[in-house]
C-alpha atoms as a PDB file:
ATOM      1  CA  MET A   1      15.518  -1.975 -13.384  1.00  0.00           C
ATOM      2  CA  THR A   2      14.422   1.530 -12.418  1.00  0.00           C
ATOM      3  CA  LEU A   3      12.185   1.452  -9.367  1.00  0.00           C
ATOM      4  CA  PRO A   4       8.558   2.388 -10.153  1.00  0.00           C
ATOM      5  CA  THR A   5       7.291   5.708  -8.854  1.00  0.00           C
ATOM      6  CA  TYR A   6       4.775   5.723  -6.022  1.00  0.00           C
ATOM      7  CA  GLN A   7       1.990   6.256  -8.572  1.00  0.00           C
ATOM      8  CA  GLU A   8       3.206   3.341 -10.685  1.00  0.00           C
ATOM      9  CA  LEU A   9       3.119   1.253  -7.512  1.00  0.00           C
ATOM     10  CA  MET A  10      -0.553   1.942  -6.792  1.00  0.00           C
ATOM     11  CA  ARG A  11      -1.785  -0.953  -8.916  1.00  0.00           C
ATOM     12  CA  PRO A  12       0.777  -3.472  -7.537  1.00  0.00           C
ATOM     13  CA  VAL A  13      -0.044  -2.365  -3.976  1.00  0.00           C
ATOM     14  CA  LEU A  14      -3.741  -2.973  -4.648  1.00  0.00           C
ATOM     15  CA  GLU A  15      -2.933  -6.246  -6.383  1.00  0.00           C
ATOM     16  CA  VAL A  16      -1.227  -7.747  -3.324  1.00  0.00           C
ATOM     17  CA  HIS A  17      -4.358  -6.938  -1.309  1.00  0.00           C
ATOM     18  CA  ARG A  18      -6.581  -8.819  -3.752  1.00  0.00           C
ATOM     19  CA  ASP A  19      -6.806 -11.780  -1.346  1.00  0.00           C
ATOM     20  CA  GLY A  20      -8.960  -9.659   0.995  1.00  0.00           C
ATOM     21  CA  ALA A  21      -6.746 -10.287   4.017  1.00  0.00           C
ATOM     22  CA  PRO A  22      -5.283  -7.459   6.138  1.00  0.00           C
ATOM     23  CA  HIS A  23      -1.632  -6.753   5.361  1.00  0.00           C
ATOM     24  CA  ALA A  24       0.886  -4.682   7.316  1.00  0.00           C
ATOM     25  CA  ALA A  25       2.904  -1.993   5.526  1.00  0.00           C
ATOM     26  CA  SER A  26       6.186  -3.901   5.813  1.00  0.00           C
ATOM     27  CA  GLU A  27       4.507  -7.014   4.437  1.00  0.00           C
ATOM     28  CA  VAL A  28       3.121  -5.066   1.478  1.00  0.00           C
ATOM     29  CA  THR A  29       6.591  -3.855   0.498  1.00  0.00           C
ATOM     30  CA  ARG A  30       7.932  -7.414   0.405  1.00  0.00           C
ATOM     31  CA  MET A  31       4.906  -8.704  -1.501  1.00  0.00           C
ATOM     32  CA  VAL A  32       5.175  -5.926  -4.098  1.00  0.00           C
ATOM     33  CA  ALA A  33       8.890  -6.605  -4.532  1.00  0.00           C
ATOM     34  CA  ASP A  34       8.128 -10.286  -5.110  1.00  0.00           C
ATOM     35  CA  LEU A  35       5.264  -9.482  -7.498  1.00  0.00           C
ATOM     36  CA  LEU A  36       7.479  -7.210  -9.603  1.00  0.00           C
ATOM     37  CA  LYS A  37      10.448  -9.599  -9.298  1.00  0.00           C
ATOM     38  CA  LEU A  38      12.728  -6.815  -8.113  1.00  0.00           C
ATOM     39  CA  SER A  39      16.409  -7.565  -7.632  1.00  0.00           C
ATOM     40  CA  GLU A  40      18.097  -7.464  -4.237  1.00  0.00           C
ATOM     41  CA  THR A  41      19.859  -4.290  -5.360  1.00  0.00           C
ATOM     42  CA  ASP A  42      16.532  -2.595  -6.120  1.00  0.00           C
ATOM     43  CA  ARG A  43      15.099  -3.719  -2.802  1.00  0.00           C
ATOM     44  CA  ALA A  44      18.116  -2.408  -0.891  1.00  0.00           C
ATOM     45  CA  THR A  45      18.240   1.061  -2.505  1.00  0.00           C
ATOM     46  CA  ARG A  46      17.983   3.711   0.198  1.00  0.00           C
ATOM     47  CA  LEU A  47      17.137   7.373   0.525  1.00  0.00           C
ATOM     48  CA  PRO A  48      19.699   9.808   2.026  1.00  0.00           C
ATOM     49  CA  SER A  49      17.743   9.511   5.289  1.00  0.00           C
ATOM     50  CA  GLY A  50      18.513   5.777   5.384  1.00  0.00           C
ATOM     51  CA  ARG A  51      14.960   4.593   4.664  1.00  0.00           C
ATOM     52  CA  GLU A  52      14.428   2.001   1.961  1.00  0.00           C
ATOM     53  CA  LEU A  53      13.304   3.717  -1.248  1.00  0.00           C
ATOM     54  CA  LEU A  54      10.906   0.926  -2.229  1.00  0.00           C
ATOM     55  CA  HIS A  55       9.269   0.908   1.201  1.00  0.00           C
ATOM     56  CA  ASN A  56       8.923   4.693   1.076  1.00  0.00           C
ATOM     57  CA  ARG A  57       7.212   4.598  -2.326  1.00  0.00           C
ATOM     58  CA  CYS A  58       4.953   1.683  -1.387  1.00  0.00           C
ATOM     59  CA  HIS A  59       4.046   3.567   1.774  1.00  0.00           C
ATOM     60  CA  TRP A  60       2.886   6.620  -0.181  1.00  0.00           C
ATOM     61  CA  ALA A  61       1.025   4.541  -2.762  1.00  0.00           C
ATOM     62  CA  ARG A  62      -0.756   2.740   0.074  1.00  0.00           C
ATOM     63  CA  TYR A  63      -1.475   5.986   1.911  1.00  0.00           C
ATOM     64  CA  TYR A  64      -3.108   7.569  -1.140  1.00  0.00           C
ATOM     65  CA  LEU A  65      -5.192   4.443  -1.722  1.00  0.00           C
ATOM     66  CA  LEU A  66      -6.350   4.580   1.905  1.00  0.00           C
ATOM     67  CA  ARG A  67      -7.370   8.214   1.486  1.00  0.00           C
ATOM     68  CA  ALA A  68      -9.301   7.345  -1.662  1.00  0.00           C
ATOM     69  CA  GLY A  69     -11.176   4.498   0.039  1.00  0.00           C
ATOM     70  CA  ALA A  70      -9.587   1.791  -2.132  1.00  0.00           C
ATOM     71  CA  LEU A  71      -8.061   0.327   1.037  1.00  0.00           C
ATOM     72  CA  GLU A  72      -9.413   0.450   4.576  1.00  0.00           C
ATOM     73  CA  GLN A  73      -7.480   0.331   7.819  1.00  0.00           C
ATOM     74  CA  THR A  74      -8.286  -2.712   9.950  1.00  0.00           C
ATOM     75  CA  SER A  75      -5.914  -2.049  12.842  1.00  0.00           C
ATOM     76  CA  ARG A  76      -2.796  -0.016  13.489  1.00  0.00           C
ATOM     77  CA  GLY A  77      -0.499  -0.521  10.511  1.00  0.00           C
ATOM     78  CA  SER A  78      -2.714  -2.998   8.617  1.00  0.00           C
ATOM     79  CA  ALA A  79      -5.194  -2.522   5.767  1.00  0.00           C
ATOM     80  CA  ARG A  80      -7.327  -4.546   3.367  1.00  0.00           C
ATOM     81  CA  ILE A  81      -8.934  -3.959  -0.012  1.00  0.00           C
ATOM     82  CA  THR A  82     -12.444  -2.494  -0.365  1.00  0.00           C
ATOM     83  CA  ALA A  83     -15.094  -2.858  -3.056  1.00  0.00           C
ATOM     84  CA  ARG A  84     -13.775   0.365  -4.569  1.00  0.00           C
ATOM     85  CA  GLY A  85     -10.290  -1.094  -4.675  1.00  0.00           C
ATOM     86  CA  ARG A  86     -11.577  -4.143  -6.535  1.00  0.00           C
ATOM     87  CA  GLU A  87     -13.313  -1.862  -9.035  1.00  0.00           C
ATOM     88  CA  LEU A  88     -10.019  -0.087  -9.676  1.00  0.00           C
ATOM     89  CA  LEU A  89      -8.248  -3.401 -10.212  1.00  0.00           C
ATOM     90  CA  ALA A  90     -10.933  -4.470 -12.679  1.00  0.00           C
ATOM     91  CA  GLY A  91     -10.162  -1.473 -14.894  1.00  0.00           C
ATOM     92  CA  ASN A  92      -7.383  -1.555 -17.464  1.00  0.00           C
ATOM     93  CA  SER A  93      -6.231   2.045 -17.115  1.00  0.00           C
ATOM     94  CA  PRO A  94      -3.292   3.056 -14.890  1.00  0.00           C
ATOM     95  CA  ILE A  95      -4.097   3.984 -11.297  1.00  0.00           C
ATOM     96  CA  THR A  96      -2.654   7.395 -10.433  1.00  0.00           C
ATOM     97  CA  ALA A  97      -3.367  10.299  -8.103  1.00  0.00           C
ATOM     98  CA  GLU A  98      -5.375  11.801 -10.958  1.00  0.00           C
ATOM     99  CA  THR A  99      -7.493   8.625 -11.096  1.00  0.00           C
ATOM    100  CA  LEU A 100      -8.206   8.907  -7.373  1.00  0.00           C
ATOM    101  CA  ARG A 101      -9.582  12.426  -7.802  1.00  0.00           C
ATOM    102  CA  ALA A 102     -12.794  10.815  -9.004  1.00  0.00           C
ATOM    103  CA  TYR A 103     -13.583  10.085  -5.342  1.00  0.00           C
ATOM    104  CA  PRO A 104     -14.937  13.014  -3.240  1.00  0.00           C
ATOM    105  CA  GLU A 105     -13.224  11.966  -0.005  1.00  0.00           C
ATOM    106  CA  PHE A 106      -9.843  11.953  -1.755  1.00  0.00           C
ATOM    107  CA  VAL A 107     -10.458  15.438  -3.157  1.00  0.00           C
ATOM    108  CA  GLU A 108     -11.600  16.695   0.254  1.00  0.00           C
ATOM    109  CA  TRP A 109      -8.390  15.340   1.757  1.00  0.00           C
ATOM    110  CA  LEU A 110      -6.333  17.106  -0.926  1.00  0.00           C
ATOM    111  CA  LEU A 111      -8.120  20.352  -0.148  1.00  0.00           C
ATOM    112  CA  ALA A 112      -7.751  19.943   3.612  1.00  0.00           C
ATOM    113  CA  SER A 113      -4.033  19.251   3.302  1.00  0.00           C
ATOM    114  CA  ARG A 114      -3.505  22.196   0.909  1.00  0.00           C
ATOM    115  CA  ARG A 115      -2.219  20.114  -1.999  1.00  0.00           C
ATOM    116  CA  MET A 116      -4.521  21.675  -4.592  1.00  0.00           C
ATOM    117  CA  GLY A 117      -2.687  24.965  -4.846  1.00  0.00           C
ATOM    118  CA  PRO A 118      -4.145  28.492  -4.702  1.00  0.00           C
ATOM    119  CA  GLY A 119      -7.271  29.517  -6.527  1.00  0.00           C
ATOM    120  CA  VAL A 120      -8.977  26.120  -6.500  1.00  0.00           C
ATOM    121  CA  GLY A 121     -11.621  27.018  -3.942  1.00  0.00           C
ATOM    122  CA  THR A 122     -13.461  24.544  -1.759  1.00  0.00           C
ATOM    123  CA  ASP A 123     -15.799  22.917  -4.292  1.00  0.00           C
ATOM    124  CA  PRO A 124     -14.719  19.249  -4.657  1.00  0.00           C
ATOM    125  CA  SER A 125     -16.181  19.007  -8.158  1.00  0.00           C
ATOM    126  CA  ALA A 126     -14.135  21.988  -9.287  1.00  0.00           C
ATOM    127  CA  ALA A 127     -11.072  20.698  -7.480  1.00  0.00           C
ATOM    128  CA  ALA A 128     -11.363  17.332  -9.189  1.00  0.00           C
ATOM    129  CA  ALA A 129     -10.989  19.016 -12.553  1.00  0.00           C
ATOM    130  CA  ALA A 130      -8.074  21.161 -11.453  1.00  0.00           C
ATOM    131  CA  VAL A 131      -4.624  20.358 -12.688  1.00  0.00           C
ATOM    132  CA  GLU A 132      -1.742  20.504 -10.241  1.00  0.00           C
ATOM    133  CA  PRO A 133       0.746  23.251 -11.079  1.00  0.00           C
ATOM    134  CA  GLN A 134       3.558  22.055 -13.309  1.00  0.00           C
ATOM    135  CA  SER A 135       5.645  25.203 -12.880  1.00  0.00           C
ATOM    136  CA  GLU A 136       6.602  24.735  -9.240  1.00  0.00           C
ATOM    137  CA  THR A 137      10.143  25.615  -8.266  1.00  0.00           C
ATOM    138  CA  ALA A 138      12.317  23.076  -6.472  1.00  0.00           C
ATOM    139  CA  GLU A 139      11.779  25.009  -3.244  1.00  0.00           C
ATOM    140  CA  GLU A 140       8.008  24.907  -3.722  1.00  0.00           C
ATOM    141  CA  ARG A 141       8.129  21.165  -4.364  1.00  0.00           C
ATOM    142  CA  MET A 142      10.134  20.692  -1.180  1.00  0.00           C
ATOM    143  CA  GLN A 143       7.547  22.681   0.769  1.00  0.00           C
ATOM    144  CA  SER A 144       4.751  20.602  -0.756  1.00  0.00           C
ATOM    145  CA  ALA A 145       6.562  17.385   0.153  1.00  0.00           C
ATOM    146  CA  HIS A 146       7.034  18.657   3.709  1.00  0.00           C
ATOM    147  CA  LEU A 147       3.291  19.300   3.996  1.00  0.00           C
ATOM    148  CA  ASP A 148       2.604  15.810   2.648  1.00  0.00           C
ATOM    149  CA  LEU A 149       4.845  14.234   5.271  1.00  0.00           C
ATOM    150  CA  ARG A 150       3.464  16.371   8.064  1.00  0.00           C
ATOM    151  CA  GLU A 151      -0.165  15.553   7.279  1.00  0.00           C
ATOM    152  CA  GLU A 152       0.583  11.837   7.048  1.00  0.00           C
ATOM    153  CA  ILE A 153       2.468  11.831  10.360  1.00  0.00           C
ATOM    154  CA  GLU A 154      -0.261  13.810  12.136  1.00  0.00           C
ATOM    155  CA  SER A 155      -2.858  11.337  10.884  1.00  0.00           C
ATOM    156  CA  ALA A 156      -0.683   8.433  12.046  1.00  0.00           C
ATOM    157  CA  LEU A 157      -0.298  10.084  15.467  1.00  0.00           C
ATOM    158  CA  LEU A 158      -4.064  10.084  15.972  1.00  0.00           C
ATOM    159  CA  ASP A 159      -4.318   6.457  14.853  1.00  0.00           C
ATOM    160  CA  GLN A 160      -1.584   5.538  17.335  1.00  0.00           C
ATOM    161  CA  ILE A 161      -3.229   7.429  20.208  1.00  0.00           C
ATOM    162  CA  ARG A 162      -6.557   5.704  19.617  1.00  0.00           C
ATOM    163  CA  GLU A 163      -4.823   2.344  20.082  1.00  0.00           C
ATOM    164  CA  MET A 164      -3.418   3.310  23.485  1.00  0.00           C
ATOM    165  CA  THR A 165      -5.078   3.067  26.900  1.00  0.00           C
ATOM    166  CA  PRO A 166      -7.122   5.942  28.382  1.00  0.00           C
ATOM    167  CA  ALA A 167      -4.488   6.295  31.123  1.00  0.00           C
ATOM    168  CA  PHE A 168      -1.756   6.712  28.502  1.00  0.00           C
ATOM    169  CA  PHE A 169      -3.799   9.410  26.767  1.00  0.00           C
ATOM    170  CA  GLU A 170      -4.391  11.288  30.016  1.00  0.00           C
ATOM    171  CA  ASP A 171      -0.660  11.250  30.744  1.00  0.00           C
ATOM    172  CA  LEU A 172       0.073  12.338  27.162  1.00  0.00           C
ATOM    173  CA  VAL A 173      -2.066  15.489  27.336  1.00  0.00           C
ATOM    174  CA  VAL A 174      -0.449  16.534  30.617  1.00  0.00           C
ATOM    175  CA  ARG A 175       3.009  16.105  29.074  1.00  0.00           C
ATOM    176  CA  LEU A 176       1.899  18.030  25.990  1.00  0.00           C
ATOM    177  CA  LEU A 177       0.727  21.070  27.957  1.00  0.00           C
ATOM    178  CA  LEU A 178       3.944  21.063  29.971  1.00  0.00           C
ATOM    179  CA  ARG A 179       5.966  20.889  26.768  1.00  0.00           C
ATOM    180  CA  LEU A 180       3.973  23.826  25.376  1.00  0.00           C
ATOM    181  CA  GLY A 181       5.174  25.935  28.289  1.00  0.00           C
ATOM    182  CA  TYR A 182       2.300  25.674  30.748  1.00  0.00           C
ATOM    183  CA  GLY A 183       3.276  25.047  34.364  1.00  0.00           C
ATOM    184  CA  SER A 184       5.872  26.562  36.650  1.00  0.00           C
ATOM    185  CA  ASP A 185       8.434  23.958  35.515  1.00  0.00           C
ATOM    186  CA  VAL A 186       8.664  20.797  33.394  1.00  0.00           C
ATOM    187  CA  GLU A 187       7.378  18.642  36.260  1.00  0.00           C
ATOM    188  CA  ALA A 188       4.496  20.922  37.286  1.00  0.00           C
ATOM    189  CA  GLY A 189       1.682  18.655  36.168  1.00  0.00           C
ATOM    190  CA  GLU A 190       0.162  15.260  36.862  1.00  0.00           C
ATOM    191  CA  ARG A 191      -2.554  12.838  35.820  1.00  0.00           C
ATOM    192  CA  ILE A 192      -5.183  12.604  38.549  1.00  0.00           C
ATOM    193  CA  GLY A 193      -8.294  11.136  36.945  1.00  0.00           C
ATOM    194  CA  ARG A 194      -9.667   7.792  35.849  1.00  0.00           C
ATOM    195  CA  SER A 195     -11.209   7.179  32.421  1.00  0.00           C
ATOM    196  CA  GLY A 196     -14.971   7.588  32.500  1.00  0.00           C
ATOM    197  CA  ASP A 197     -15.154   9.230  35.927  1.00  0.00           C
ATOM    198  CA  GLY A 198     -16.741  12.403  34.518  1.00  0.00           C
ATOM    199  CA  GLY A 199     -14.329  14.575  36.499  1.00  0.00           C
ATOM    200  CA  VAL A 200     -10.844  15.935  35.951  1.00  0.00           C
ATOM    201  CA  ASP A 201      -8.121  13.844  34.331  1.00  0.00           C
ATOM    202  CA  GLY A 202      -5.080  16.050  34.880  1.00  0.00           C
ATOM    203  CA  VAL A 203      -3.832  19.262  36.423  1.00  0.00           C
ATOM    204  CA  ILE A 204      -1.130  21.815  35.599  1.00  0.00           C
ATOM    205  CA  TYR A 205       0.359  23.925  38.412  1.00  0.00           C
ATOM    206  CA  GLU A 206       1.136  27.338  36.923  1.00  0.00           C
ATOM    207  CA  ASP A 207       2.942  28.710  39.961  1.00  0.00           C
ATOM    208  CA  LYS A 208       5.171  27.333  42.698  1.00  0.00           C
ATOM    209  CA  LEU A 209       2.479  27.625  45.375  1.00  0.00           C
ATOM    210  CA  SER A 210      -0.210  25.909  43.253  1.00  0.00           C
ATOM    211  CA  LEU A 211      -2.498  28.916  43.579  1.00  0.00           C
ATOM    212  CA  ASP A 212      -3.171  29.047  39.834  1.00  0.00           C
ATOM    213  CA  LEU A 213      -4.293  25.744  38.318  1.00  0.00           C
ATOM    214  CA  VAL A 214      -5.335  24.484  34.893  1.00  0.00           C
ATOM    215  CA  TYR A 215      -7.553  21.409  34.918  1.00  0.00           C
ATOM    216  CA  ILE A 216      -7.637  18.977  32.020  1.00  0.00           C
ATOM    217  CA  GLN A 217     -10.240  16.601  30.667  1.00  0.00           C
ATOM    218  CA  ALA A 218      -9.070  14.041  28.077  1.00  0.00           C
ATOM    219  CA  LYS A 219     -11.494  12.031  25.935  1.00  0.00           C
ATOM    220  CA  ARG A 220     -10.172   9.345  23.586  1.00  0.00           C
ATOM    221  CA  TRP A 221     -13.449   9.135  21.697  1.00  0.00           C
ATOM    222  CA  GLN A 222     -14.625   8.427  18.165  1.00  0.00           C
ATOM    223  CA  ALA A 223     -17.877  10.394  18.590  1.00  0.00           C
ATOM    224  CA  ASN A 224     -17.817  14.181  18.815  1.00  0.00           C
ATOM    225  CA  VAL A 225     -17.914  15.813  22.234  1.00  0.00           C
ATOM    226  CA  GLY A 226     -21.223  17.563  22.904  1.00  0.00           C
ATOM    227  CA  ARG A 227     -22.395  20.436  25.083  1.00  0.00           C
ATOM    228  CA  PRO A 228     -23.380  18.211  28.060  1.00  0.00           C
ATOM    229  CA  ASP A 229     -19.778  16.955  28.308  1.00  0.00           C
ATOM    230  CA  ILE A 230     -18.430  20.513  28.368  1.00  0.00           C
ATOM    231  CA  GLN A 231     -21.051  21.509  30.926  1.00  0.00           C
ATOM    232  CA  GLY A 232     -20.004  18.606  33.133  1.00  0.00           C
ATOM    233  CA  PHE A 233     -16.361  19.675  32.902  1.00  0.00           C
ATOM    234  CA  VAL A 234     -17.245  23.287  33.715  1.00  0.00           C
ATOM    235  CA  GLY A 235     -19.195  22.016  36.717  1.00  0.00           C
ATOM    236  CA  SER A 236     -16.069  20.197  37.905  1.00  0.00           C
ATOM    237  CA  LEU A 237     -14.074  23.426  37.570  1.00  0.00           C
ATOM    238  CA  GLU A 238     -16.714  25.289  39.564  1.00  0.00           C
ATOM    239  CA  GLY A 239     -16.658  22.668  42.309  1.00  0.00           C
ATOM    240  CA  LYS A 240     -12.889  22.992  42.628  1.00  0.00           C
ATOM    241  CA  ARG A 241     -12.932  26.812  42.300  1.00  0.00           C
ATOM    242  CA  VAL A 242     -10.670  26.694  39.246  1.00  0.00           C
ATOM    243  CA  GLN A 243     -11.009  29.315  36.497  1.00  0.00           C
ATOM    244  CA  LYS A 244      -9.140  27.668  33.609  1.00  0.00           C
ATOM    245  CA  GLY A 245      -9.529  24.336  31.884  1.00  0.00           C
ATOM    246  CA  VAL A 246      -8.498  22.451  28.747  1.00  0.00           C
ATOM    247  CA  PHE A 247     -10.742  19.835  27.161  1.00  0.00           C
ATOM    248  CA  ILE A 248      -8.871  17.594  24.699  1.00  0.00           C
ATOM    249  CA  THR A 249     -10.384  14.932  22.464  1.00  0.00           C
ATOM    250  CA  THR A 250      -9.138  12.727  19.636  1.00  0.00           C
ATOM    251  CA  SER A 251     -12.396  13.443  17.757  1.00  0.00           C
ATOM    252  CA  ASP A 252     -14.035  16.888  17.518  1.00  0.00           C
ATOM    253  CA  PHE A 253     -16.590  19.117  19.230  1.00  0.00           C
ATOM    254  CA  THR A 254     -20.165  19.764  18.163  1.00  0.00           C
ATOM    255  CA  ALA A 255     -21.121  23.312  17.187  1.00  0.00           C
ATOM    256  CA  ASP A 256     -23.287  23.536  20.320  1.00  0.00           C
ATOM    257  CA  ALA A 257     -20.324  22.576  22.505  1.00  0.00           C
ATOM    258  CA  LYS A 258     -18.128  25.242  20.898  1.00  0.00           C
ATOM    259  CA  ASN A 259     -20.782  27.921  21.258  1.00  0.00           C
ATOM    260  CA  TYR A 260     -21.295  27.073  24.923  1.00  0.00           C
ATOM    261  CA  ALA A 261     -17.547  27.260  25.666  1.00  0.00           C
ATOM    262  CA  GLU A 262     -17.436  30.749  24.137  1.00  0.00           C
ATOM    263  CA  THR A 263     -20.266  32.103  26.298  1.00  0.00           C
ATOM    264  CA  ILE A 264     -19.192  31.016  29.788  1.00  0.00           C
ATOM    265  CA  GLN A 265     -17.114  33.128  32.153  1.00  0.00           C
ATOM    266  CA  LYS A 266     -14.550  30.434  32.809  1.00  0.00           C
ATOM    267  CA  ARG A 267     -11.718  30.113  30.294  1.00  0.00           C
ATOM    268  CA  VAL A 268     -11.991  26.691  28.688  1.00  0.00           C
ATOM    269  CA  ALA A 269      -9.862  25.789  25.661  1.00  0.00           C
ATOM    270  CA  LEU A 270     -11.191  23.086  23.331  1.00  0.00           C
ATOM    271  CA  ILE A 271      -8.577  21.026  21.476  1.00  0.00           C
ATOM    272  CA  ASN A 272      -9.809  18.568  18.856  1.00  0.00           C
ATOM    273  CA  GLY A 273      -7.910  15.675  17.322  1.00  0.00           C
ATOM    274  CA  ARG A 274      -6.490  17.627  14.406  1.00  0.00           C
ATOM    275  CA  THR A 275      -5.175  20.382  16.672  1.00  0.00           C
ATOM    276  CA  LEU A 276      -3.839  17.810  19.139  1.00  0.00           C
ATOM    277  CA  ALA A 277      -1.804  16.114  16.401  1.00  0.00           C
ATOM    278  CA  ARG A 278      -0.524  19.471  15.146  1.00  0.00           C
ATOM    279  CA  LEU A 279       0.599  20.526  18.627  1.00  0.00           C
ATOM    280  CA  MET A 280       2.336  17.186  19.160  1.00  0.00           C
ATOM    281  CA  PHE A 281       4.130  17.520  15.825  1.00  0.00           C
ATOM    282  CA  ASP A 282       5.208  21.110  16.513  1.00  0.00           C
ATOM    283  CA  SER A 283       6.405  20.341  20.049  1.00  0.00           C
ATOM    284  CA  GLY A 284       8.170  17.100  19.086  1.00  0.00           C
ATOM    285  CA  LEU A 285       6.045  14.916  21.370  1.00  0.00           C
ATOM    286  CA  GLY A 286       5.678  11.359  20.086  1.00  0.00           C
ATOM    287  CA  VAL A 287       7.731  12.042  16.953  1.00  0.00           C
ATOM    288  CA  THR A 288      11.416  12.019  16.107  1.00  0.00           C
ATOM    289  CA  THR A 289      13.461  13.698  13.374  1.00  0.00           C
ATOM    290  CA  VAL A 290      15.001  11.231  10.920  1.00  0.00           C
ATOM    291  CA  ALA A 291      16.460  13.697   8.402  1.00  0.00           C
ATOM    292  CA  THR A 292      17.057  17.426   7.992  1.00  0.00           C
ATOM    293  CA  TYR A 293      17.429  19.115   4.611  1.00  0.00           C
ATOM    294  CA  GLU A 294      19.025  22.554   4.434  1.00  0.00           C
ATOM    295  CA  VAL A 295      17.912  25.024   1.762  1.00  0.00           C
ATOM    296  CA  LYS A 296      20.763  27.324   0.805  1.00  0.00           C
ATOM    297  CA  LYS A 297      21.069  30.326  -1.489  1.00  0.00           C
ATOM    298  CA  ILE A 298      23.966  32.275  -2.930  1.00  0.00           C
ATOM    299  CA  ASP A 299      25.544  34.745  -0.516  1.00  0.00           C
ATOM    300  CA  THR A 300      25.683  37.759  -2.810  1.00  0.00           C
ATOM    301  CA  ASP A 301      27.688  39.769  -0.262  1.00  0.00           C
ATOM    302  CA  TYR A 302      30.529  37.256  -0.562  1.00  0.00           C
ATOM    303  CA  PHE A 303      30.800  37.878  -4.294  1.00  0.00           C
ATOM    304  CA  THR A 304      30.570  41.665  -4.072  1.00  0.00           C
ATOM    305  CA  LEU A 305      33.842  43.191  -5.199  1.00  0.00           C
ATOM    306  CA  SER A 306      35.341  45.594  -2.707  1.00  0.00           C
ATOM    307  CA  ASP A 307      36.746  48.884  -3.868  1.00  0.00           C
END
């Protein structure tokens, strides 16, 4: 049989979660295959990248359902059904991405990840009624798919980081700044703090003599970082006579914290979770390339007749 699309798999993916127990992504793929009685050939079909096609489609169906609140994440890689998911199962109509637009958080995610196309605006109610462009070129569809993958991977990066130890996170942010080009060489940085000590968690040496330093504070928090936390970090910089600092969190900063950082004389960069994930993606830290697709065009010069 022809494998169902990721949208056609949304109902089966929800169905296998009906028992209310948490299920890992790999487990969901097997359960869906069993539910649909797929052949071994269907289960083994692969994408050019080598990934199983069924797993890839189940993954995206599951990811959309998570974004719509029909599933909820219980731990890294596992999810269970919610009351909203049970309501969707109780209905007789197909479950598609269009169905999920009835939920504000799903629409907000579409807007944030730029899937709604130009001209939609930022009003979720207007976006929910918008129809995705049907006249996209193949190149535009590839770009859209790339953005989909990027957003999903960045979200997964943050989930992964939150599962790690504070010490791992402190080491990660030092490595990230070094990879971004800060420091006199690739080894010109180290983790020096302890989680919860209220001081400095890492340092970057920007010159060979360590005369110019960048201090780092890393907070693996769920709650937003407030002004008192930034003030404490600035106080640590003052005590060590350092002019530059970077405060990185897996959450975000309050408006008061941002305003304070903009008014002080010291140069303090604030990096929230979304920016952290983007920088990791762009620098290749914590991610690996599994496939590369080249976009080619006709070389018109080659076909130009010479006199």
